[in-house]
Structures are given as C-alpha cells and as structure tokens.
N, C-alpha and C. Protein backbone atom coordinates (compact mmCIF):
# COMPACT_ATOMS: atom_id res chain seq x y z
N MET A 1 137.36 -45.85 69.11
CA MET A 1 136.54 -45.28 68.49
C MET A 1 135.21 -45.69 68.67
N ALA A 2 134.98 -46.92 68.99
CA ALA A 2 133.61 -47.53 69.55
C ALA A 2 133.42 -46.88 70.92
N LYS A 3 134.47 -46.39 71.74
CA LYS A 3 134.14 -45.91 73.04
C LYS A 3 133.13 -44.61 72.86
N TYR A 4 133.46 -43.79 71.94
CA TYR A 4 132.73 -42.66 71.75
C TYR A 4 131.48 -42.93 70.60
N ALA A 5 131.18 -43.64 70.22
CA ALA A 5 130.02 -44.05 69.29
C ALA A 5 128.73 -43.50 69.89
N PHE A 6 127.81 -43.34 68.87
CA PHE A 6 126.64 -42.73 69.31
C PHE A 6 125.53 -43.93 69.95
N ASN A 7 124.95 -43.72 71.15
CA ASN A 7 124.31 -44.87 71.92
C ASN A 7 122.81 -44.38 72.11
N THR A 8 122.06 -44.81 71.10
CA THR A 8 120.55 -44.37 71.13
C THR A 8 119.96 -45.00 72.32
N ARG A 9 120.33 -46.07 72.85
CA ARG A 9 119.63 -46.59 74.06
C ARG A 9 119.93 -45.69 75.13
N LYS A 10 121.13 -45.49 75.20
CA LYS A 10 121.70 -44.70 76.53
C LYS A 10 120.76 -43.06 76.37
N LEU A 11 120.78 -42.70 74.99
CA LEU A 11 120.05 -41.36 74.99
C LEU A 11 118.76 -41.51 75.38
N LEU A 12 118.02 -42.57 74.81
CA LEU A 12 116.67 -42.53 75.36
C LEU A 12 116.39 -43.06 76.89
N THR A 13 117.30 -43.74 77.50
CA THR A 13 117.08 -44.14 78.78
C THR A 13 117.40 -42.82 79.65
N VAL A 14 117.92 -41.98 79.22
CA VAL A 14 118.43 -40.69 80.02
C VAL A 14 117.25 -39.56 79.42
N THR A 15 117.16 -39.34 78.30
CA THR A 15 116.17 -38.39 77.61
C THR A 15 114.70 -38.56 77.98
N PHE A 16 114.17 -39.84 78.04
CA PHE A 16 112.72 -40.04 78.12
C PHE A 16 112.57 -39.38 79.73
N PRO A 17 113.16 -39.85 80.77
CA PRO A 17 112.67 -39.74 82.13
C PRO A 17 112.87 -37.76 82.38
N VAL A 18 113.97 -37.31 81.81
CA VAL A 18 114.15 -36.10 81.71
C VAL A 18 113.06 -35.27 80.84
N LEU A 19 112.80 -35.66 79.96
CA LEU A 19 111.70 -35.17 79.00
C LEU A 19 110.45 -35.16 79.91
N VAL A 20 109.96 -36.49 80.31
CA VAL A 20 108.80 -36.62 81.21
C VAL A 20 108.75 -35.43 82.38
N LEU A 21 109.93 -35.42 83.23
CA LEU A 21 110.05 -34.62 84.31
C LEU A 21 109.74 -33.16 83.69
N PHE A 22 110.44 -32.70 82.71
CA PHE A 22 110.37 -31.51 82.17
C PHE A 22 108.80 -31.05 81.84
N LEU A 23 108.27 -31.99 80.93
CA LEU A 23 106.84 -31.70 80.77
C LEU A 23 105.87 -31.61 82.06
N LEU A 24 106.05 -32.54 83.01
CA LEU A 24 105.43 -32.45 84.24
C LEU A 24 105.78 -30.93 84.84
N PHE A 25 106.96 -30.50 84.90
CA PHE A 25 107.15 -29.31 85.44
C PHE A 25 106.48 -28.07 84.62
N ILE A 26 106.61 -27.83 83.33
CA ILE A 26 106.07 -27.03 82.71
C ILE A 26 104.35 -27.03 82.71
N SER A 27 103.91 -27.99 83.21
CA SER A 27 102.35 -28.28 83.18
C SER A 27 101.93 -27.58 84.55
N LEU A 28 102.84 -27.35 85.25
CA LEU A 28 102.35 -26.61 86.77
C LEU A 28 101.87 -25.30 86.34
N PRO A 29 100.65 -24.83 86.95
CA PRO A 29 100.26 -23.81 87.05
C PRO A 29 101.21 -22.55 87.40
N THR A 30 101.33 -21.28 86.80
CA THR A 30 102.13 -20.31 87.08
C THR A 30 101.45 -19.10 87.40
N ASN A 31 100.18 -18.94 87.05
CA ASN A 31 99.36 -17.85 87.67
C ASN A 31 98.87 -18.07 89.09
N HIS A 32 98.71 -16.88 89.87
CA HIS A 32 98.23 -17.06 91.02
C HIS A 32 96.88 -17.06 91.16
N ALA A 33 96.02 -17.72 92.12
CA ALA A 33 94.83 -17.69 92.25
C ALA A 33 93.77 -16.34 92.90
N ASP A 34 92.86 -16.00 92.42
CA ASP A 34 92.10 -14.89 92.89
C ASP A 34 91.12 -15.44 93.65
N ALA A 35 90.57 -14.55 94.50
CA ALA A 35 89.50 -15.13 95.50
C ALA A 35 88.02 -15.13 94.59
N ASP A 36 87.83 -14.43 93.69
CA ASP A 36 86.59 -14.53 92.98
C ASP A 36 86.77 -15.26 91.85
N MET A 37 87.50 -16.07 91.58
CA MET A 37 87.68 -16.83 90.09
C MET A 37 86.94 -17.88 89.88
N GLY A 38 86.17 -18.53 91.05
CA GLY A 38 85.43 -19.75 90.87
C GLY A 38 84.09 -19.64 90.28
N PRO A 39 83.40 -20.40 89.92
CA PRO A 39 82.16 -20.37 89.61
C PRO A 39 81.13 -19.59 90.42
N LYS A 40 80.00 -18.92 89.98
CA LYS A 40 79.15 -18.13 90.99
C LYS A 40 77.60 -18.70 90.47
N PRO A 41 76.89 -18.59 91.50
CA PRO A 41 75.52 -18.91 91.17
C PRO A 41 74.94 -17.73 90.04
N SER A 42 74.07 -18.21 89.20
CA SER A 42 73.40 -17.25 88.35
C SER A 42 72.06 -17.70 88.19
N MET A 43 71.26 -16.46 87.63
CA MET A 43 69.84 -16.64 87.15
C MET A 43 69.76 -16.06 85.60
N ASP A 44 68.88 -16.56 84.97
CA ASP A 44 68.66 -16.00 83.57
C ASP A 44 67.19 -16.07 83.46
N PHE A 45 66.59 -14.81 82.81
CA PHE A 45 65.30 -14.66 82.75
C PHE A 45 64.91 -14.51 81.38
N GLU A 46 64.02 -15.36 81.04
CA GLU A 46 63.35 -15.29 79.52
C GLU A 46 61.99 -14.88 79.44
N PHE A 47 61.70 -13.78 78.66
CA PHE A 47 60.43 -13.24 78.82
C PHE A 47 59.53 -13.50 77.61
N GLU A 48 58.11 -13.77 78.16
CA GLU A 48 56.97 -13.92 77.18
C GLU A 48 56.08 -13.12 77.45
N TYR A 49 55.16 -12.69 76.59
CA TYR A 49 54.14 -11.63 76.75
C TYR A 49 52.88 -12.38 76.48
N GLU A 50 52.03 -12.02 77.41
CA GLU A 50 50.65 -12.45 77.37
C GLU A 50 49.79 -11.87 76.28
N SER A 51 50.12 -10.70 76.06
CA SER A 51 49.48 -9.99 74.59
C SER A 51 49.76 -10.32 73.50
N GLY A 52 51.08 -11.05 73.42
CA GLY A 52 51.70 -11.24 72.12
C GLY A 52 52.49 -10.48 71.65
N GLN A 53 52.48 -9.06 72.02
CA GLN A 53 53.25 -8.04 71.58
C GLN A 53 54.61 -7.69 72.57
N SER A 54 55.66 -7.94 72.02
CA SER A 54 56.78 -7.90 72.75
C SER A 54 57.28 -6.46 73.05
N LEU A 55 57.85 -6.00 74.21
CA LEU A 55 58.10 -4.76 74.55
C LEU A 55 59.86 -4.89 74.79
N GLU A 56 60.31 -3.63 74.75
CA GLU A 56 61.81 -3.58 74.80
C GLU A 56 62.09 -3.43 76.51
N ILE A 57 62.99 -4.29 76.97
CA ILE A 57 63.12 -3.81 78.54
C ILE A 57 64.16 -2.50 78.58
N ILE A 58 63.76 -1.75 79.35
CA ILE A 58 64.49 -0.37 79.71
C ILE A 58 65.49 -0.54 80.63
N ASP A 59 65.00 -1.22 81.77
CA ASP A 59 65.77 -1.42 83.01
C ASP A 59 65.21 -2.20 83.90
N GLY A 60 65.86 -2.92 84.72
CA GLY A 60 65.54 -4.15 85.39
C GLY A 60 66.25 -4.01 86.89
N ILE A 61 65.68 -4.48 87.82
CA ILE A 61 66.38 -4.52 89.26
C ILE A 61 65.98 -6.01 89.85
N LEU A 62 66.87 -6.64 90.28
CA LEU A 62 66.41 -7.97 91.06
C LEU A 62 66.55 -7.58 92.53
N TYR A 63 65.48 -7.78 93.18
CA TYR A 63 65.44 -7.65 94.47
C TYR A 63 65.70 -8.79 95.41
N GLU A 64 66.68 -9.04 96.36
CA GLU A 64 66.94 -9.94 97.25
C GLU A 64 66.25 -9.70 98.56
N CYS A 65 65.59 -10.97 99.07
CA CYS A 65 64.79 -10.80 100.30
C CYS A 65 65.16 -12.03 101.19
N ASP A 66 65.02 -11.73 102.48
CA ASP A 66 65.23 -12.87 103.47
C ASP A 66 63.83 -13.39 103.88
N LEU A 67 62.69 -12.55 103.76
CA LEU A 67 61.30 -12.83 104.21
C LEU A 67 60.68 -13.25 103.19
N PRO A 68 59.73 -14.38 103.14
CA PRO A 68 58.89 -14.86 102.14
C PRO A 68 57.83 -13.81 101.56
N ASP A 69 57.58 -12.70 102.25
CA ASP A 69 56.60 -11.79 101.44
C ASP A 69 57.60 -10.58 101.08
N CYS A 70 58.82 -10.74 100.84
CA CYS A 70 59.63 -9.60 100.45
C CYS A 70 59.39 -8.25 101.23
N SER A 71 59.13 -8.16 102.29
CA SER A 71 59.01 -6.70 102.74
C SER A 71 60.20 -6.27 103.01
N ASP A 72 61.28 -7.09 103.09
CA ASP A 72 62.46 -6.55 103.50
C ASP A 72 63.40 -6.54 101.93
N ALA A 73 62.93 -6.27 101.06
CA ALA A 73 63.71 -6.32 99.63
C ALA A 73 64.80 -5.23 99.41
N LYS A 74 65.85 -5.57 99.09
CA LYS A 74 67.00 -4.92 98.69
C LYS A 74 67.54 -5.23 97.39
N PRO A 75 67.86 -4.19 96.69
CA PRO A 75 68.49 -4.73 95.32
C PRO A 75 69.87 -5.15 95.18
N LEU A 76 70.17 -6.21 94.45
CA LEU A 76 71.33 -7.06 94.51
C LEU A 76 72.58 -6.06 94.12
N GLU A 77 73.51 -6.18 95.33
CA GLU A 77 74.60 -5.19 95.07
C GLU A 77 75.34 -5.61 93.91
N GLU A 78 75.86 -4.58 93.27
CA GLU A 78 77.05 -4.51 92.48
C GLU A 78 78.41 -4.62 93.35
N LEU A 79 78.90 -5.80 93.27
CA LEU A 79 80.40 -6.18 94.00
C LEU A 79 81.31 -7.02 93.11
N GLY A 80 82.08 -6.35 92.28
CA GLY A 80 83.13 -7.14 91.29
C GLY A 80 82.18 -7.69 90.42
N PRO A 81 82.15 -8.99 90.14
CA PRO A 81 81.27 -9.48 89.15
C PRO A 81 79.95 -9.74 89.54
N GLN A 82 79.47 -9.51 90.60
CA GLN A 82 78.21 -9.64 91.14
C GLN A 82 77.23 -8.55 90.48
N ARG A 83 76.15 -8.82 90.08
CA ARG A 83 75.45 -7.88 89.42
C ARG A 83 74.22 -8.33 88.73
N SER A 84 73.03 -7.55 88.58
CA SER A 84 71.93 -7.90 87.56
C SER A 84 71.93 -7.14 86.43
N SER A 85 71.80 -7.59 85.20
CA SER A 85 71.53 -6.58 84.10
C SER A 85 70.62 -7.12 83.11
N CYS A 86 70.06 -6.07 82.37
CA CYS A 86 69.07 -6.76 81.46
C CYS A 86 69.67 -6.17 79.76
N THR A 87 69.49 -7.05 79.04
CA THR A 87 69.46 -6.34 77.63
C THR A 87 68.12 -6.07 77.08
N ALA A 88 67.66 -5.68 75.78
CA ALA A 88 66.41 -5.11 75.40
C ALA A 88 65.26 -6.44 75.62
N TYR A 89 65.76 -7.66 75.49
CA TYR A 89 64.74 -8.84 75.95
C TYR A 89 64.83 -9.77 76.74
N ALA A 90 66.15 -9.77 77.46
CA ALA A 90 66.34 -10.68 78.47
C ALA A 90 66.98 -10.26 79.73
N CYS A 91 66.96 -10.78 80.83
CA CYS A 91 67.75 -10.37 81.95
C CYS A 91 68.55 -11.47 82.57
N SER A 92 69.42 -11.10 83.26
CA SER A 92 70.45 -12.19 84.04
C SER A 92 71.05 -11.61 85.07
N SER A 93 71.60 -12.64 85.98
CA SER A 93 72.36 -12.06 87.24
C SER A 93 73.22 -12.99 87.60
N LEU A 94 74.37 -12.54 88.27
CA LEU A 94 75.64 -13.45 88.75
C LEU A 94 75.75 -12.93 90.07
N ALA A 95 75.95 -13.87 91.13
CA ALA A 95 76.22 -13.25 92.72
C ALA A 95 77.17 -14.40 93.16
N TYR A 96 77.65 -13.71 94.16
CA TYR A 96 78.50 -14.61 95.02
C TYR A 96 77.60 -15.73 95.96
N GLY A 97 76.41 -15.25 96.16
CA GLY A 97 75.21 -16.04 96.90
C GLY A 97 74.31 -15.18 96.82
N TYR A 98 72.91 -15.82 96.75
CA TYR A 98 71.54 -15.27 96.58
C TYR A 98 70.83 -15.54 98.29
N SER A 99 69.91 -14.53 98.42
CA SER A 99 69.14 -14.46 99.34
C SER A 99 68.09 -15.94 99.14
N ASP A 100 67.11 -15.93 100.16
CA ASP A 100 66.29 -17.14 99.95
C ASP A 100 65.26 -16.72 98.89
N TYR A 101 64.80 -15.51 98.76
CA TYR A 101 63.63 -14.93 98.01
C TYR A 101 64.13 -14.02 97.13
N HIS A 102 63.08 -13.78 95.94
CA HIS A 102 63.68 -12.76 94.76
C HIS A 102 62.48 -12.21 94.51
N ARG A 103 62.71 -10.89 93.95
CA ARG A 103 61.44 -10.19 93.21
C ARG A 103 62.20 -9.45 92.11
N LEU A 104 61.45 -9.35 90.85
CA LEU A 104 61.88 -8.39 89.89
C LEU A 104 61.09 -7.24 89.57
N LEU A 105 61.83 -6.11 89.36
CA LEU A 105 61.15 -5.06 88.90
C LEU A 105 61.73 -4.39 87.78
N ILE A 106 60.79 -4.56 86.44
CA ILE A 106 61.19 -4.29 85.37
C ILE A 106 60.53 -3.00 84.70
N ARG A 107 61.27 -2.25 84.08
CA ARG A 107 60.61 -1.06 83.20
C ARG A 107 60.75 -1.17 81.89
N PHE A 108 59.57 -1.32 81.02
CA PHE A 108 59.47 -1.37 79.60
C PHE A 108 59.33 -0.38 78.73
N SER A 109 59.41 -0.51 77.58
CA SER A 109 59.31 0.63 76.64
C SER A 109 58.04 1.15 76.32
N ASP A 110 56.83 0.42 77.04
CA ASP A 110 55.65 1.26 77.16
C ASP A 110 55.45 2.11 77.98
N GLY A 111 56.52 2.35 78.92
CA GLY A 111 56.54 3.23 80.23
C GLY A 111 56.14 2.79 81.48
N LYS A 112 55.63 1.35 81.40
CA LYS A 112 55.10 0.98 82.66
C LYS A 112 56.39 0.15 83.34
N GLU A 113 56.06 0.07 84.98
CA GLU A 113 57.15 -0.72 85.61
C GLU A 113 56.24 -1.85 86.07
N ARG A 114 56.73 -2.89 85.92
CA ARG A 114 56.00 -4.23 86.38
C ARG A 114 56.82 -4.79 87.49
N GLN A 115 56.09 -5.41 88.52
CA GLN A 115 56.76 -6.13 89.54
C GLN A 115 56.31 -7.46 89.47
N SER A 116 57.13 -8.34 89.84
CA SER A 116 56.98 -9.69 89.96
C SER A 116 56.26 -10.51 91.28
N ASN A 117 55.80 -11.44 91.10
CA ASN A 117 55.83 -12.07 92.47
C ASN A 117 57.10 -12.53 92.85
N VAL A 118 56.89 -13.08 94.31
CA VAL A 118 58.19 -13.49 95.04
C VAL A 118 58.61 -14.70 94.67
N PHE A 119 59.67 -15.27 94.09
CA PHE A 119 60.19 -16.44 93.61
C PHE A 119 61.32 -17.17 94.44
N GLN A 120 61.47 -18.09 94.34
CA GLN A 120 62.95 -18.95 94.97
C GLN A 120 63.92 -19.50 93.85
N SER A 121 65.09 -19.57 94.28
CA SER A 121 65.95 -20.30 93.38
C SER A 121 66.78 -21.36 94.34
N ASP A 122 66.60 -22.52 93.79
CA ASP A 122 67.20 -23.46 94.48
C ASP A 122 68.30 -24.25 93.84
N SER A 123 68.85 -23.80 92.84
CA SER A 123 70.00 -24.34 92.15
C SER A 123 70.96 -23.47 91.85
N PHE A 124 72.08 -24.15 91.45
CA PHE A 124 73.20 -23.14 91.44
C PHE A 124 73.21 -22.15 90.17
N ASN A 125 72.55 -22.67 88.88
CA ASN A 125 72.39 -22.11 87.91
C ASN A 125 70.87 -22.35 87.50
N SER A 126 70.07 -20.90 87.45
CA SER A 126 68.64 -21.21 87.29
C SER A 126 68.11 -20.48 86.12
N THR A 127 67.16 -20.91 85.40
CA THR A 127 66.59 -20.15 84.26
C THR A 127 65.04 -20.14 84.68
N PHE A 128 64.53 -18.87 84.55
CA PHE A 128 63.12 -18.64 84.71
C PHE A 128 62.36 -18.10 83.49
N ARG A 129 61.13 -18.27 83.39
CA ARG A 129 59.95 -17.85 82.56
C ARG A 129 59.59 -16.55 83.10
N VAL A 130 59.48 -15.36 82.52
CA VAL A 130 58.74 -14.13 83.15
C VAL A 130 57.84 -13.79 82.29
N LEU A 131 56.37 -14.13 82.65
CA LEU A 131 55.25 -13.79 81.71
C LEU A 131 54.90 -12.29 81.98
N VAL A 132 54.93 -11.64 81.01
CA VAL A 132 54.68 -10.11 81.14
C VAL A 132 53.11 -9.92 80.85
N ARG A 133 52.63 -9.36 82.00
CA ARG A 133 50.99 -9.56 81.88
C ARG A 133 50.88 -7.96 81.69
N GLU A 134 49.58 -7.47 81.90
CA GLU A 134 49.02 -5.93 81.79
C GLU A 134 49.78 -5.13 82.75
N ASN A 135 49.69 -5.60 84.03
CA ASN A 135 50.30 -4.76 85.30
C ASN A 135 51.35 -5.57 86.00
N ASP A 136 51.73 -6.65 85.63
CA ASP A 136 52.63 -7.27 86.62
C ASP A 136 53.34 -8.20 85.80
N LEU A 137 54.30 -9.02 86.60
CA LEU A 137 55.01 -9.99 85.97
C LEU A 137 54.97 -11.20 86.86
N PHE A 138 54.85 -12.46 86.13
CA PHE A 138 54.80 -13.70 86.87
C PHE A 138 56.01 -14.47 86.57
N VAL A 139 56.86 -14.70 87.47
CA VAL A 139 58.01 -15.45 87.36
C VAL A 139 58.02 -17.14 87.75
N GLU A 140 58.13 -17.89 86.81
CA GLU A 140 58.32 -19.27 87.33
C GLU A 140 59.53 -19.99 86.61
N LYS A 141 60.09 -20.93 87.49
CA LYS A 141 61.24 -21.66 87.44
C LYS A 141 60.92 -22.63 86.34
N ILE A 142 61.83 -22.72 85.00
CA ILE A 142 61.69 -23.76 84.08
C ILE A 142 62.72 -24.68 84.18
N HIS A 143 64.21 -24.62 84.63
CA HIS A 143 64.78 -25.61 84.99
C HIS A 143 66.09 -25.00 85.83
N GLY A 144 66.64 -25.88 86.49
CA GLY A 144 68.05 -25.24 87.13
C GLY A 144 69.15 -26.11 86.11
N GLY A 145 70.19 -25.41 86.53
CA GLY A 145 71.46 -25.84 85.69
C GLY A 145 71.85 -27.08 85.94
N SER A 146 72.49 -27.83 85.42
CA SER A 146 73.39 -29.25 85.56
C SER A 146 74.41 -28.79 86.42
N ILE A 147 75.29 -29.83 86.81
CA ILE A 147 76.46 -29.58 87.39
C ILE A 147 77.14 -28.48 86.97
N PRO A 148 77.69 -27.64 87.60
CA PRO A 148 78.41 -26.28 86.89
C PRO A 148 79.89 -26.88 86.54
N PHE A 149 80.25 -27.79 87.14
CA PHE A 149 81.64 -28.17 86.96
C PHE A 149 81.77 -29.41 85.94
N GLY A 150 80.76 -29.52 85.30
CA GLY A 150 80.61 -30.85 84.29
C GLY A 150 81.83 -30.83 83.36
N TRP A 151 82.19 -29.95 82.73
CA TRP A 151 83.71 -29.98 81.91
C TRP A 151 84.71 -30.00 82.78
N THR A 152 84.97 -29.46 84.24
CA THR A 152 85.67 -29.68 84.98
C THR A 152 85.96 -31.16 85.43
N LEU A 153 85.09 -31.88 85.61
CA LEU A 153 84.92 -33.38 86.07
C LEU A 153 85.58 -33.80 85.04
N ILE A 154 85.12 -33.90 83.84
CA ILE A 154 85.67 -34.61 82.48
C ILE A 154 86.83 -34.34 82.38
N GLY A 155 87.34 -32.98 82.48
CA GLY A 155 88.82 -32.98 82.28
C GLY A 155 89.70 -33.67 83.57
N LEU A 156 89.19 -33.41 84.75
CA LEU A 156 89.64 -34.03 85.80
C LEU A 156 89.97 -35.62 85.46
N PHE A 157 88.76 -36.37 85.01
CA PHE A 157 88.75 -37.74 84.79
C PHE A 157 89.90 -37.93 83.76
N CYS A 158 90.04 -37.22 82.63
CA CYS A 158 90.96 -37.39 81.51
C CYS A 158 92.14 -37.24 81.98
N GLY A 159 92.56 -36.14 82.75
CA GLY A 159 93.93 -35.87 83.23
C GLY A 159 94.30 -37.25 84.18
N THR A 160 93.34 -37.67 85.08
CA THR A 160 93.79 -39.00 85.75
C THR A 160 94.09 -39.99 85.11
N ILE A 161 93.41 -40.27 84.06
CA ILE A 161 93.84 -41.39 83.12
C ILE A 161 95.09 -41.02 82.57
N LEU A 162 95.39 -40.01 82.00
CA LEU A 162 96.63 -39.86 81.41
C LEU A 162 97.63 -39.82 82.25
N SER A 163 97.76 -39.26 83.62
CA SER A 163 98.62 -39.44 84.62
C SER A 163 99.02 -40.94 84.87
N SER A 164 97.68 -41.46 85.07
CA SER A 164 98.07 -43.30 85.27
C SER A 164 98.73 -43.73 84.20
N LEU A 165 98.47 -43.46 82.89
CA LEU A 165 99.13 -44.16 81.74
C LEU A 165 100.66 -43.45 81.87
N MET A 166 101.11 -42.44 81.97
CA MET A 166 102.54 -42.00 82.08
C MET A 166 103.25 -42.82 83.19
N VAL A 167 102.13 -42.92 84.44
CA VAL A 167 102.99 -43.56 85.39
C VAL A 167 103.35 -45.00 85.19
N LEU A 168 102.29 -45.46 84.36
CA LEU A 168 102.46 -46.97 83.81
C LEU A 168 103.71 -47.08 83.01
N VAL A 169 103.83 -46.18 81.92
CA VAL A 169 104.86 -46.29 80.87
C VAL A 169 106.01 -46.18 81.72
N MET A 170 106.19 -45.23 82.69
CA MET A 170 107.46 -45.16 83.45
C MET A 170 108.04 -46.38 84.27
N LEU A 171 107.01 -46.97 84.81
CA LEU A 171 106.98 -48.06 85.63
C LEU A 171 107.53 -49.48 84.66
N ILE A 172 106.96 -49.51 83.68
CA ILE A 172 107.30 -50.56 82.37
C ILE A 172 108.81 -50.11 81.96
N PHE A 173 109.10 -48.89 81.65
CA PHE A 173 110.45 -48.36 81.27
C PHE A 173 111.38 -48.97 82.28
N LEU A 174 111.25 -48.60 83.83
CA LEU A 174 112.08 -49.14 84.84
C LEU A 174 112.23 -50.51 85.07
N VAL A 175 111.08 -51.37 84.65
CA VAL A 175 111.29 -52.77 84.64
C VAL A 175 112.02 -53.29 83.60
N PHE A 176 112.07 -52.87 82.66
CA PHE A 176 112.65 -53.10 81.48
C PHE A 176 114.31 -52.39 81.37
N HIS A 177 114.31 -51.53 82.00
CA HIS A 177 115.62 -50.70 81.81
C HIS A 177 116.01 -50.23 83.39
N PRO A 178 116.48 -50.91 84.18
CA PRO A 178 116.68 -50.79 85.63
C PRO A 178 117.68 -49.54 85.69
N PRO A 179 117.61 -48.69 86.59
CA PRO A 179 118.69 -47.74 86.71
C PRO A 179 120.32 -48.18 86.81
N GLN A 180 120.26 -49.31 87.53
CA GLN A 180 121.83 -49.96 87.63
C GLN A 180 122.22 -50.04 85.95
N HIS A 181 121.60 -50.13 84.83
CA HIS A 181 122.14 -50.29 83.58
C HIS A 181 122.13 -49.29 82.74
N TRP A 182 121.73 -48.10 83.46
CA TRP A 182 121.56 -46.81 82.40
C TRP A 182 122.86 -46.27 81.89
N GLY A 183 123.96 -46.44 82.76
CA GLY A 183 125.22 -46.01 82.35
C GLY A 183 126.18 -47.07 81.47
N ARG A 184 125.64 -48.36 81.42
CA ARG A 184 126.44 -49.38 80.63
C ARG A 184 126.15 -49.59 79.14
N GLN A 185 127.16 -49.67 78.42
CA GLN A 185 127.06 -49.84 76.82
C GLN A 185 126.30 -51.18 76.66
N SER A 186 125.56 -51.23 75.61
CA SER A 186 124.94 -52.53 75.19
C SER A 186 125.66 -53.20 74.23
C-alpha cells in the first residue's frame, strides 16, 4: 500500500517545471506581425484665435515640402493609417515619415482659407499651437513628444525582472531538488 501512496514532493517536483514550461509556452505571441503596426510619427495642432472668437474648422490640408520655402508643397498622402484630419476645433496627422518642412491650409466657418507659415517638426510626436489671425495662420511648436516607447520600455524592464526571478526560482529548485532525486521516494 505504501508503494502507491500519494507523494506531494514528487508531484511538486514534476508539476512545477512542467507548469513553468507550459506558462512560458502559452505566453509566446501567436499573432503575426504586420508591416505597419509600429508607432508612427504624429503631429497635433491646437488652435488659438487672435480675435478671441473661435471659428469651426471646415477642412484642413497638411502640405509636405522638401524646400525651405515650401514651393514644392504636396498634400500628405492618405496611405493606410497615414493621413491628416481635422475636427471642428483641432487637427492632427499620422505618417510613416514626414518631409523636412510643412505648411497648413485650413478653411474655417467664416468662409476664409488661411495658410500658415512654413514650419518644421524635429521630434517623433509634435504638438503645435496655431494662432489664427485675420488673414493667415502662425504655427509654432509647443513641445515634442517624450519617448514614444516609454510604456514599452517599462514593460520590457518589468518582464526582464520577472523572467530573471523565474530563472532564479528554478535554479534554487534545482539546487535543493536535483534531477537525480526526482524519481525517488522520500
């Protein structure tokens, strides 16, 4: 009868490594990677009105330029997630990559189209203040985004710590319960 008695130590010594391997296996990613799934540069535009009277934005175009005077301006193409768009009071854009220089053309509810000065973006995520004047727009950068991967880096750090702890626990387990003792009764 003692030969078939329930042995918790044997159960734990076999179950623990199998459980850890199973958890590692199911934590592997199962979905495939898409080409445009990574973070992309973006611009956000906040509007202020010189007159104090706010107008609704009807339509907006973000022009991309290679020349500093923007004489070669082309609208930002819509390709997958790449686009520029406006709501009634703000505009934003997302792109695979931007040109060196930019210009905005916005049509407002007063019927006027106003064009901005030429501006540059030198950070991954940029926020701009757009001063709406009587006949034009003045764009100035208010800040660039922080590291776009901040949360990813924190997650990577935590994952590394957790993985290191798991390896440490397994090593401690192997030191106190070497494999040659796994099949023996205590």
